[in-house]
Amino acid sequence: MSPKKGDLVYLPSDIMIFGVISEGGEIHDWLSLDEPTYGVMVIPNYDDENIYHKVHVRGSEWYVRTIDTMEVMSGA
């Protein structure tokens, strides 16, 4: 199941998240997560591609690889 806008997502430790990606594909800002983190989905499958999601994490919006993003599911 793919996460939707507003869904809570889990990001594992030891991944990189990216801030600004220029039109040429250059990454200008990044953050290495040293512990598991939760975020809120802003734009799933950014640019209609299955490469990055845009996620709100730690007070800012970041790009996260889709394979590093897991939707948090209810146990009910």
N, C-alpha and C. Protein backbone atom coordinates (compact mmCIF):
# COMPACT_ATOMS: atom_id res chain seq x y z
N MET A 1 0.84 -1.18 0.00
CA MET A 1 0.00 0.00 0.00
C MET A 1 0.89 1.25 0.00
N SER A 2 0.61 2.21 -0.85
CA SER A 2 1.40 3.43 -0.94
C SER A 2 0.87 4.48 0.03
N PRO A 3 1.77 5.18 0.72
CA PRO A 3 1.31 6.24 1.62
C PRO A 3 0.67 7.38 0.83
N LYS A 4 -0.27 8.07 1.48
CA LYS A 4 -0.97 9.20 0.87
C LYS A 4 -0.60 10.48 1.62
N LYS A 5 -0.93 11.62 1.04
CA LYS A 5 -0.67 12.90 1.67
C LYS A 5 -1.29 12.91 3.06
N GLY A 6 -0.52 13.31 4.07
CA GLY A 6 -0.99 13.39 5.44
C GLY A 6 -0.74 12.14 6.26
N ASP A 7 -0.33 11.03 5.63
CA ASP A 7 -0.06 9.79 6.36
C ASP A 7 1.22 9.92 7.19
N LEU A 8 1.22 9.24 8.32
CA LEU A 8 2.41 9.15 9.15
C LEU A 8 3.32 8.09 8.55
N VAL A 9 4.61 8.42 8.39
CA VAL A 9 5.56 7.46 7.82
C VAL A 9 6.74 7.28 8.76
N TYR A 10 7.33 6.10 8.69
CA TYR A 10 8.49 5.72 9.49
C TYR A 10 9.72 5.75 8.60
N LEU A 11 10.78 6.38 9.09
CA LEU A 11 12.05 6.44 8.38
C LEU A 11 13.10 5.74 9.25
N PRO A 12 13.72 4.68 8.76
CA PRO A 12 14.70 3.95 9.57
C PRO A 12 15.98 4.76 9.77
N SER A 13 16.82 4.31 10.68
CA SER A 13 18.10 4.98 10.90
C SER A 13 19.06 4.66 9.76
N ASP A 14 20.14 5.42 9.71
CA ASP A 14 21.21 5.23 8.73
C ASP A 14 20.76 5.44 7.28
N ILE A 15 19.88 6.42 7.07
CA ILE A 15 19.51 6.81 5.71
C ILE A 15 19.81 8.29 5.55
N MET A 16 19.87 8.74 4.31
CA MET A 16 20.07 10.16 4.00
C MET A 16 18.75 10.73 3.53
N ILE A 17 18.42 11.93 4.00
CA ILE A 17 17.28 12.66 3.46
C ILE A 17 17.82 13.95 2.86
N PHE A 18 17.15 14.44 1.82
CA PHE A 18 17.68 15.54 1.04
C PHE A 18 16.76 16.74 1.13
N GLY A 19 17.36 17.94 1.18
CA GLY A 19 16.59 19.18 1.25
C GLY A 19 16.25 19.69 -0.13
N VAL A 20 17.12 20.44 -0.73
CA VAL A 20 16.86 21.10 -2.01
C VAL A 20 17.50 20.29 -3.14
N ILE A 21 16.69 19.94 -4.14
CA ILE A 21 17.20 19.29 -5.35
C ILE A 21 16.96 20.25 -6.50
N SER A 22 18.03 20.74 -7.13
CA SER A 22 17.89 21.70 -8.22
C SER A 22 17.35 21.01 -9.47
N GLU A 23 16.97 21.82 -10.46
CA GLU A 23 16.44 21.27 -11.72
C GLU A 23 17.46 20.36 -12.40
N GLY A 24 18.73 20.60 -12.17
CA GLY A 24 19.77 19.77 -12.75
C GLY A 24 20.02 18.49 -11.97
N GLY A 25 19.27 18.30 -10.87
CA GLY A 25 19.41 17.10 -10.08
C GLY A 25 20.46 17.18 -8.98
N GLU A 26 21.03 18.39 -8.77
CA GLU A 26 22.04 18.55 -7.73
C GLU A 26 21.38 18.66 -6.36
N ILE A 27 21.98 18.02 -5.38
CA ILE A 27 21.48 18.06 -4.01
C ILE A 27 22.25 19.14 -3.25
N HIS A 28 21.51 20.09 -2.66
CA HIS A 28 22.14 21.22 -1.98
C HIS A 28 22.07 21.13 -0.46
N ASP A 29 21.28 20.24 0.06
CA ASP A 29 21.14 20.12 1.50
C ASP A 29 20.78 18.68 1.82
N TRP A 30 21.37 18.12 2.87
CA TRP A 30 21.09 16.74 3.21
C TRP A 30 21.26 16.53 4.71
N LEU A 31 20.68 15.45 5.20
CA LEU A 31 20.75 15.13 6.61
C LEU A 31 20.83 13.62 6.74
N SER A 32 21.73 13.14 7.56
CA SER A 32 21.87 11.71 7.82
C SER A 32 21.11 11.39 9.11
N LEU A 33 20.16 10.47 9.02
CA LEU A 33 19.39 10.09 10.20
C LEU A 33 20.15 9.02 10.97
N ASP A 34 20.51 9.32 12.20
CA ASP A 34 21.25 8.36 13.00
C ASP A 34 20.33 7.57 13.94
N GLU A 35 19.03 7.89 13.91
CA GLU A 35 18.05 7.13 14.68
C GLU A 35 16.74 7.10 13.91
N PRO A 36 15.90 6.10 14.14
CA PRO A 36 14.62 6.03 13.45
C PRO A 36 13.79 7.28 13.74
N THR A 37 13.04 7.72 12.74
CA THR A 37 12.28 8.97 12.84
C THR A 37 10.93 8.80 12.18
N TYR A 38 9.95 9.58 12.66
CA TYR A 38 8.63 9.62 12.03
C TYR A 38 8.49 10.94 11.28
N GLY A 39 7.69 10.92 10.21
CA GLY A 39 7.41 12.12 9.45
C GLY A 39 6.00 12.07 8.90
N VAL A 40 5.58 13.16 8.27
CA VAL A 40 4.26 13.24 7.66
C VAL A 40 4.43 13.40 6.15
N MET A 41 3.72 12.59 5.39
CA MET A 41 3.81 12.63 3.93
C MET A 41 3.24 13.94 3.41
N VAL A 42 4.03 14.66 2.60
CA VAL A 42 3.60 15.91 1.99
C VAL A 42 3.22 15.64 0.53
N ILE A 43 4.12 15.03 -0.24
CA ILE A 43 3.85 14.69 -1.65
C ILE A 43 4.36 13.28 -1.91
N PRO A 44 3.45 12.30 -2.03
CA PRO A 44 3.91 10.95 -2.37
C PRO A 44 4.37 10.90 -3.82
N ASN A 45 5.37 10.10 -4.10
CA ASN A 45 5.91 9.93 -5.46
C ASN A 45 6.12 11.29 -6.14
N TYR A 46 7.00 12.08 -5.54
CA TYR A 46 7.31 13.43 -6.02
C TYR A 46 7.61 13.42 -7.52
N ASP A 47 7.07 14.39 -8.23
CA ASP A 47 7.24 14.52 -9.69
C ASP A 47 6.67 13.33 -10.45
N ASP A 48 5.67 12.66 -9.86
CA ASP A 48 5.01 11.50 -10.47
C ASP A 48 5.98 10.38 -10.81
N GLU A 49 7.06 10.28 -10.04
CA GLU A 49 8.02 9.20 -10.22
C GLU A 49 8.10 8.41 -8.92
N ASN A 50 8.45 7.17 -9.00
CA ASN A 50 8.54 6.31 -7.82
C ASN A 50 9.97 6.29 -7.29
N ILE A 51 10.56 7.50 -7.11
CA ILE A 51 11.94 7.60 -6.63
C ILE A 51 12.00 8.28 -5.26
N TYR A 52 11.32 9.42 -5.12
CA TYR A 52 11.33 10.18 -3.88
C TYR A 52 9.92 10.51 -3.42
N HIS A 53 9.76 10.62 -2.10
CA HIS A 53 8.58 11.21 -1.48
C HIS A 53 9.04 12.51 -0.85
N LYS A 54 8.15 13.48 -0.76
CA LYS A 54 8.44 14.70 0.00
C LYS A 54 7.76 14.54 1.35
N VAL A 55 8.55 14.61 2.43
CA VAL A 55 8.07 14.30 3.78
C VAL A 55 8.45 15.43 4.73
N HIS A 56 7.53 15.77 5.65
CA HIS A 56 7.82 16.77 6.68
C HIS A 56 8.48 16.04 7.86
N VAL A 57 9.74 16.38 8.13
CA VAL A 57 10.52 15.74 9.19
C VAL A 57 11.29 16.81 9.95
N ARG A 58 11.22 16.76 11.28
CA ARG A 58 12.00 17.66 12.13
C ARG A 58 11.82 19.13 11.77
N GLY A 59 10.59 19.52 11.47
CA GLY A 59 10.28 20.93 11.23
C GLY A 59 10.52 21.44 9.82
N SER A 60 10.95 20.58 8.90
CA SER A 60 11.21 21.00 7.52
C SER A 60 10.74 19.91 6.56
N GLU A 61 10.65 20.29 5.28
CA GLU A 61 10.28 19.32 4.25
C GLU A 61 11.55 18.77 3.60
N TRP A 62 11.59 17.43 3.45
CA TRP A 62 12.75 16.74 2.92
C TRP A 62 12.31 15.74 1.86
N TYR A 63 13.21 15.39 0.97
CA TYR A 63 12.99 14.32 0.00
C TYR A 63 13.60 13.04 0.56
N VAL A 64 12.80 11.97 0.52
CA VAL A 64 13.23 10.68 1.05
C VAL A 64 13.02 9.64 -0.03
N ARG A 65 13.99 8.75 -0.23
CA ARG A 65 13.81 7.70 -1.23
C ARG A 65 12.59 6.86 -0.86
N THR A 66 11.82 6.47 -1.86
CA THR A 66 10.61 5.70 -1.59
C THR A 66 10.92 4.38 -0.89
N ILE A 67 12.06 3.77 -1.20
CA ILE A 67 12.39 2.49 -0.57
C ILE A 67 12.78 2.64 0.90
N ASP A 68 13.05 3.89 1.35
CA ASP A 68 13.39 4.15 2.74
C ASP A 68 12.18 4.63 3.55
N THR A 69 11.02 4.68 2.95
CA THR A 69 9.83 5.23 3.58
C THR A 69 8.81 4.12 3.82
N MET A 70 8.36 3.98 5.07
CA MET A 70 7.38 2.96 5.40
C MET A 70 6.16 3.60 6.04
N GLU A 71 4.97 3.27 5.54
CA GLU A 71 3.75 3.81 6.09
C GLU A 71 3.48 3.18 7.46
N VAL A 72 3.04 4.00 8.41
CA VAL A 72 2.69 3.50 9.73
C VAL A 72 1.23 3.04 9.68
N MET A 73 1.01 1.78 9.99
CA MET A 73 -0.33 1.19 9.92
C MET A 73 -0.91 1.01 11.32
N SER A 74 -2.22 1.16 11.41
CA SER A 74 -2.92 0.97 12.67
C SER A 74 -2.99 -0.51 12.99
N GLY A 75 -2.90 -0.86 14.26
CA GLY A 75 -2.99 -2.27 14.67
C GLY A 75 -4.42 -2.75 14.81
N ALA A 76 -5.39 -1.83 14.65
CA ALA A 76 -6.81 -2.19 14.83
C ALA A 76 -7.39 -2.79 13.56
